[in-house]
Amino acid sequence: MKLDILAIGVHPDDVELSCSGTLLKHIALNKKCGILDLTVGELGTRGNGELRLVEAANAAKIIGVSFRDNLKMADAFFKNDKEHQLEIIRKIRQYQPEIILCNATSDRHPDHGRAAQLVTEACFYSGLIKITTELNGELQSAWRPKAVYHYIQDRQLKPDFIIDVTAFMEKKMEAIQAFKSQFYNPDSKEPESPISGKNFLDVIKGKMSVFGRDAGFQYAEGFTVDRSIGVENLFDLS
C-alpha cells in the first residue's frame, strides 16, 4: 500500500489530538493516509493498553485512514537506537509515504521529543541503500519521505506553518472522543490526569483558534519543520 501521508504518534491519541484535522482534510482531497502508533500507551494514568487499542481502531474508522498499525514498543522505555529505528524503517519502506507527520520536537511528555528524534532519524536512514531490511522474507527497497513535519502538542510552540482545518473540526473532536478512557467522564472512578479535566477539549479548540487567527482561519493545526519551507510563488501563501 503506497501512502501519501503517514502520521506517527508515540501514544494512541497523539495523532487525533494534534493532526487528525489535517488527515481528514487530505483524505477529503483523495490522499491516502495511515497512522502508525509506536506504543499502546500502557503507562497512561487512565485505561490500559488493550482498551487503548480498541479506542484507536474506533478513532481510525472515524478519520477514514487506510490503515492503523502499532509497533508495541515499550511505553516510556523505548530508545532511539538501531533496533527501534529499524522497526520504523521497515514500516516506512512498506508504505512509502511522501510525507510523515510525527510528534513534537519538545513537549511536556518526554516520550514526545524522543519519538520525534527517533522517527526523524529513521526517515533519513530509510533512504540509505546499504541499510537492508526484509518484509515477509523479501528484501525491501530504500525509501525516504520527501518531508517530515512535527505536529504541535501540549506546549505552545511557534508553528512554522499552519493548516486550515475549520471544515473538519467537528469530525476531529469526534475522533478524539473515541478515546473515552482518556478524557472527561463524570462517572469515571479512575485517577485524574492532565487531559481528563472538564475543560481540556475546550483547550484543544482554543489552541487551534489561536493557530488560525493570524492567517484568518477559524481553526488550524500547527507544525514545525527542521528545514526551510519552499513555495512556488507568493500567491500560494495565505
Protein backbone atom coordinates (compact mmCIF):
# COMPACT_ATOMS: atom_id res chain seq x y z
CA MET A 1 0.00 0.00 0.00
CA LYS A 2 1.54 3.28 -1.15
CA LEU A 3 0.67 6.21 1.14
CA ASP A 4 0.65 9.94 0.63
CA ILE A 5 0.82 10.72 4.36
CA LEU A 6 1.85 8.57 7.33
CA ALA A 7 1.06 10.08 10.73
CA ILE A 8 3.15 8.61 13.53
CA GLY A 9 2.37 9.03 17.23
CA VAL A 10 4.19 7.55 20.21
CA HIS A 11 0.86 7.07 22.04
CA PRO A 12 -2.58 6.27 20.66
CA ASP A 13 -4.47 9.62 20.67
CA ASP A 14 -1.37 11.75 19.88
CA VAL A 15 -2.37 11.89 16.22
CA GLU A 16 -6.03 12.56 16.99
CA LEU A 17 -5.25 15.43 19.35
CA SER A 18 -2.63 17.08 17.18
CA CYS A 19 -3.09 16.46 13.45
CA SER A 20 -6.28 14.50 12.76
CA GLY A 21 -7.85 17.58 11.19
CA THR A 22 -5.01 17.66 8.68
CA LEU A 23 -5.51 13.96 7.91
CA LEU A 24 -9.25 14.47 7.47
CA LYS A 25 -8.63 17.37 5.10
CA HIS A 26 -6.21 15.44 2.92
CA ILE A 27 -8.38 12.32 2.86
CA ALA A 28 -11.15 14.58 1.53
CA LEU A 29 -8.65 15.59 -1.18
CA ASN A 30 -8.33 11.89 -2.11
CA LYS A 31 -4.94 11.46 -0.47
CA LYS A 32 -4.19 8.07 1.05
CA CYS A 33 -3.29 8.36 4.75
CA GLY A 34 -2.34 5.95 7.51
CA ILE A 35 -1.50 6.03 11.21
CA LEU A 36 1.36 4.27 12.98
CA ASP A 37 1.41 4.23 16.80
CA LEU A 38 4.71 3.32 18.42
CA THR A 39 3.28 2.10 21.76
CA VAL A 40 -0.13 1.12 23.12
CA GLY A 41 0.16 3.78 25.83
CA GLU A 42 0.11 1.16 28.57
CA LEU A 43 1.57 3.52 31.19
CA GLY A 44 -1.17 6.13 30.81
CA THR A 45 -2.87 7.19 34.04
CA ARG A 46 -6.29 6.01 32.86
CA GLY A 47 -7.38 2.94 30.94
CA ASN A 48 -4.97 0.27 29.76
CA GLY A 49 -3.15 -0.81 26.63
CA GLU A 50 -5.81 -3.26 25.46
CA LEU A 51 -8.55 -0.66 25.76
CA ARG A 52 -6.42 1.97 24.01
CA LEU A 53 -6.06 -0.35 21.01
CA VAL A 54 -9.85 -0.68 20.74
CA GLU A 55 -10.28 3.08 21.05
CA ALA A 56 -7.56 3.68 18.46
CA ALA A 57 -9.33 1.40 15.98
CA ASN A 58 -12.60 3.28 16.52
CA ALA A 59 -10.86 6.63 16.01
CA ALA A 60 -9.23 5.37 12.80
CA LYS A 61 -12.66 4.50 11.39
CA ILE A 62 -13.94 7.98 12.17
CA ILE A 63 -10.98 9.63 10.43
CA GLY A 64 -11.12 7.24 7.48
CA VAL A 65 -7.44 6.30 7.25
CA SER A 66 -6.42 3.40 5.03
CA PHE A 67 -4.84 1.54 7.94
CA ARG A 68 -3.69 1.89 11.54
CA ASP A 69 -0.76 -0.11 12.89
CA ASN A 70 1.05 -0.35 16.24
CA LEU A 71 4.69 -1.32 16.80
CA LYS A 72 4.07 -2.06 20.51
CA MET A 73 7.31 -0.52 21.70
CA ALA A 74 7.67 -0.12 25.46
CA ASP A 75 5.83 2.97 26.64
CA ALA A 76 8.33 5.38 28.27
CA PHE A 77 11.24 2.96 27.87
CA PHE A 78 11.71 2.81 24.09
CA LYS A 79 15.07 4.13 22.87
CA ASN A 80 16.41 5.94 19.87
CA ASP A 81 18.70 3.10 18.85
CA LYS A 82 19.32 0.77 15.91
CA GLU A 83 16.68 -1.78 16.95
CA HIS A 84 13.87 0.77 17.22
CA GLN A 85 14.97 2.69 14.13
CA LEU A 86 14.86 -0.49 12.05
CA GLU A 87 11.29 -1.20 13.18
CA ILE A 88 10.22 2.19 11.83
CA ILE A 89 12.36 1.89 8.70
CA ARG A 90 10.54 -1.34 7.79
CA LYS A 91 7.19 0.46 8.03
CA ILE A 92 8.41 3.44 6.02
CA ARG A 93 9.68 1.15 3.28
CA GLN A 94 6.48 -0.90 3.38
CA TYR A 95 4.13 2.06 2.94
CA GLN A 96 6.44 4.50 1.12
CA PRO A 97 4.80 7.72 2.37
CA GLU A 98 5.56 11.01 0.65
CA ILE A 99 5.07 12.92 3.91
CA ILE A 100 5.44 11.90 7.54
CA LEU A 101 3.78 13.72 10.42
CA CYS A 102 5.21 12.95 13.86
CA ASN A 103 5.47 14.07 17.47
CA ALA A 104 6.56 17.49 18.71
CA THR A 105 10.31 18.00 18.98
CA SER A 106 9.90 19.34 22.53
CA ASP A 107 6.97 18.79 24.87
CA ARG A 108 5.79 18.22 28.43
CA HIS A 109 5.85 14.45 27.98
CA PRO A 110 9.45 13.27 27.42
CA ASP A 111 8.29 10.47 25.11
CA HIS A 112 7.16 13.04 22.52
CA GLY A 113 10.54 14.66 21.91
CA ARG A 114 12.35 11.31 21.98
CA ALA A 115 9.88 9.85 19.47
CA ALA A 116 10.32 12.89 17.23
CA GLN A 117 14.08 12.34 17.10
CA LEU A 118 13.67 8.57 16.61
CA VAL A 119 11.27 8.99 13.69
CA THR A 120 13.28 11.80 12.08
CA GLU A 121 16.46 9.73 12.08
CA ALA A 122 14.63 6.62 10.86
CA CYS A 123 13.23 8.62 7.93
CA PHE A 124 16.74 9.60 6.88
CA TYR A 125 18.25 6.15 7.33
CA SER A 126 15.35 4.56 5.45
CA GLY A 127 16.75 6.16 2.30
CA LEU A 128 20.19 4.54 2.65
CA ILE A 129 20.53 1.56 0.30
CA LYS A 130 23.22 -0.08 2.45
CA ILE A 131 20.77 -0.47 5.34
CA THR A 132 18.93 -3.65 4.43
CA THR A 133 15.52 -4.73 5.75
CA GLU A 134 13.12 -7.51 4.86
CA LEU A 135 9.35 -7.88 4.93
CA ASN A 136 7.85 -11.38 4.74
CA GLY A 137 11.21 -12.73 3.61
CA GLU A 138 11.61 -10.25 0.75
CA LEU A 139 14.25 -7.52 0.59
CA GLN A 140 12.74 -4.03 0.87
CA SER A 141 13.71 -1.11 -1.34
CA ALA A 142 15.17 2.01 0.24
CA TRP A 143 12.65 4.85 0.63
CA ARG A 144 12.97 8.34 2.09
CA PRO A 145 9.90 10.54 2.59
CA LYS A 146 10.02 13.93 0.90
CA ALA A 147 9.24 15.75 4.16
CA VAL A 148 8.91 15.22 7.91
CA TYR A 149 6.66 17.66 9.76
CA HIS A 150 6.23 17.77 13.54
CA TYR A 151 2.78 18.49 14.89
CA ILE A 152 2.48 20.70 17.97
CA GLN A 153 1.17 19.05 21.12
CA ASP A 154 0.96 20.26 24.72
CA ARG A 155 3.50 23.09 24.69
CA GLN A 156 2.56 26.20 22.77
CA LEU A 157 5.41 26.10 20.24
CA LYS A 158 5.54 28.65 17.42
CA PRO A 159 4.45 26.88 14.24
CA ASP A 160 6.44 27.18 11.02
CA PHE A 161 3.18 26.73 9.12
CA ILE A 162 -0.46 26.02 9.86
CA ILE A 163 -3.19 24.06 8.09
CA ASP A 164 -6.76 25.34 7.93
CA VAL A 165 -8.94 22.55 9.35
CA THR A 166 -12.07 24.55 10.11
CA ALA A 167 -14.32 22.36 7.97
CA PHE A 168 -13.13 19.24 9.78
CA MET A 169 -13.23 20.47 13.36
CA GLU A 170 -16.32 18.54 14.47
CA LYS A 171 -15.09 15.28 12.96
CA LYS A 172 -11.73 15.79 14.65
CA MET A 173 -13.41 16.22 18.03
CA GLU A 174 -15.42 13.06 17.38
CA ALA A 175 -12.18 11.14 16.69
CA ILE A 176 -10.59 12.48 19.89
CA GLN A 177 -13.57 11.45 21.95
CA ALA A 178 -13.29 7.88 20.65
CA PHE A 179 -10.66 7.61 23.40
CA LYS A 180 -13.33 7.53 26.09
CA SER A 181 -10.98 6.23 28.76
CA GLN A 182 -8.70 9.24 28.48
CA PHE A 183 -10.96 12.27 28.57
CA TYR A 184 -13.58 13.80 30.84
CA ASN A 185 -16.19 11.39 32.15
CA PRO A 186 -18.10 12.43 35.28
CA ASP A 187 -18.83 8.77 36.04
CA SER A 188 -15.21 7.63 35.88
CA LYS A 189 -13.64 6.26 39.05
CA GLU A 190 -10.12 6.46 37.64
CA PRO A 191 -7.47 8.99 38.75
CA GLU A 192 -7.44 12.45 37.22
CA SER A 193 -4.82 13.19 34.57
CA PRO A 194 -3.64 16.33 32.74
CA ILE A 195 -6.03 15.53 29.87
CA SER A 196 -9.08 14.27 31.79
CA GLY A 197 -10.29 17.64 33.06
CA LYS A 198 -13.66 19.01 32.04
CA ASN A 199 -12.17 21.90 30.07
CA PHE A 200 -9.40 20.01 28.24
CA LEU A 201 -11.26 19.70 24.93
CA ASP A 202 -12.03 23.42 25.12
CA VAL A 203 -8.28 23.98 25.48
CA ILE A 204 -7.70 21.98 22.29
CA LYS A 205 -10.21 24.12 20.42
CA GLY A 206 -8.75 27.31 21.88
CA LYS A 207 -5.24 26.40 20.76
CA MET A 208 -6.49 25.68 17.25
CA SER A 209 -8.29 29.02 17.23
CA VAL A 210 -5.07 30.81 18.20
CA PHE A 211 -3.12 28.99 15.47
CA GLY A 212 -5.68 30.02 12.87
CA ARG A 213 -6.15 33.64 13.90
CA ASP A 214 -3.08 35.14 12.20
CA ALA A 215 -3.99 33.60 8.85
CA GLY A 216 -7.69 34.36 9.10
CA PHE A 217 -8.73 30.75 9.71
CA GLN A 218 -11.25 29.82 12.37
CA TYR A 219 -9.35 26.65 13.37
CA ALA A 220 -5.93 25.41 12.35
CA GLU A 221 -3.29 22.86 13.28
CA GLY A 222 0.32 23.92 13.67
CA PHE A 223 3.51 22.21 12.53
CA THR A 224 7.24 22.76 12.82
CA VAL A 225 9.91 21.66 10.38
CA ASP A 226 13.68 21.31 10.64
CA ARG A 227 14.44 22.83 7.25
CA SER A 228 13.38 25.79 5.11
CA ILE A 229 9.93 25.54 3.54
CA GLY A 230 9.74 26.26 -0.19
CA VAL A 231 6.80 27.61 -2.17
CA GLU A 232 6.39 28.02 -5.91
CA ASN A 233 5.17 31.63 -5.74
CA LEU A 234 3.90 34.25 -3.30
CA PHE A 235 0.28 33.58 -4.23
CA ASP A 236 0.45 30.08 -2.72
CA LEU A 237 0.77 31.69 0.71
CA SER A 238 -2.31 32.51 2.78
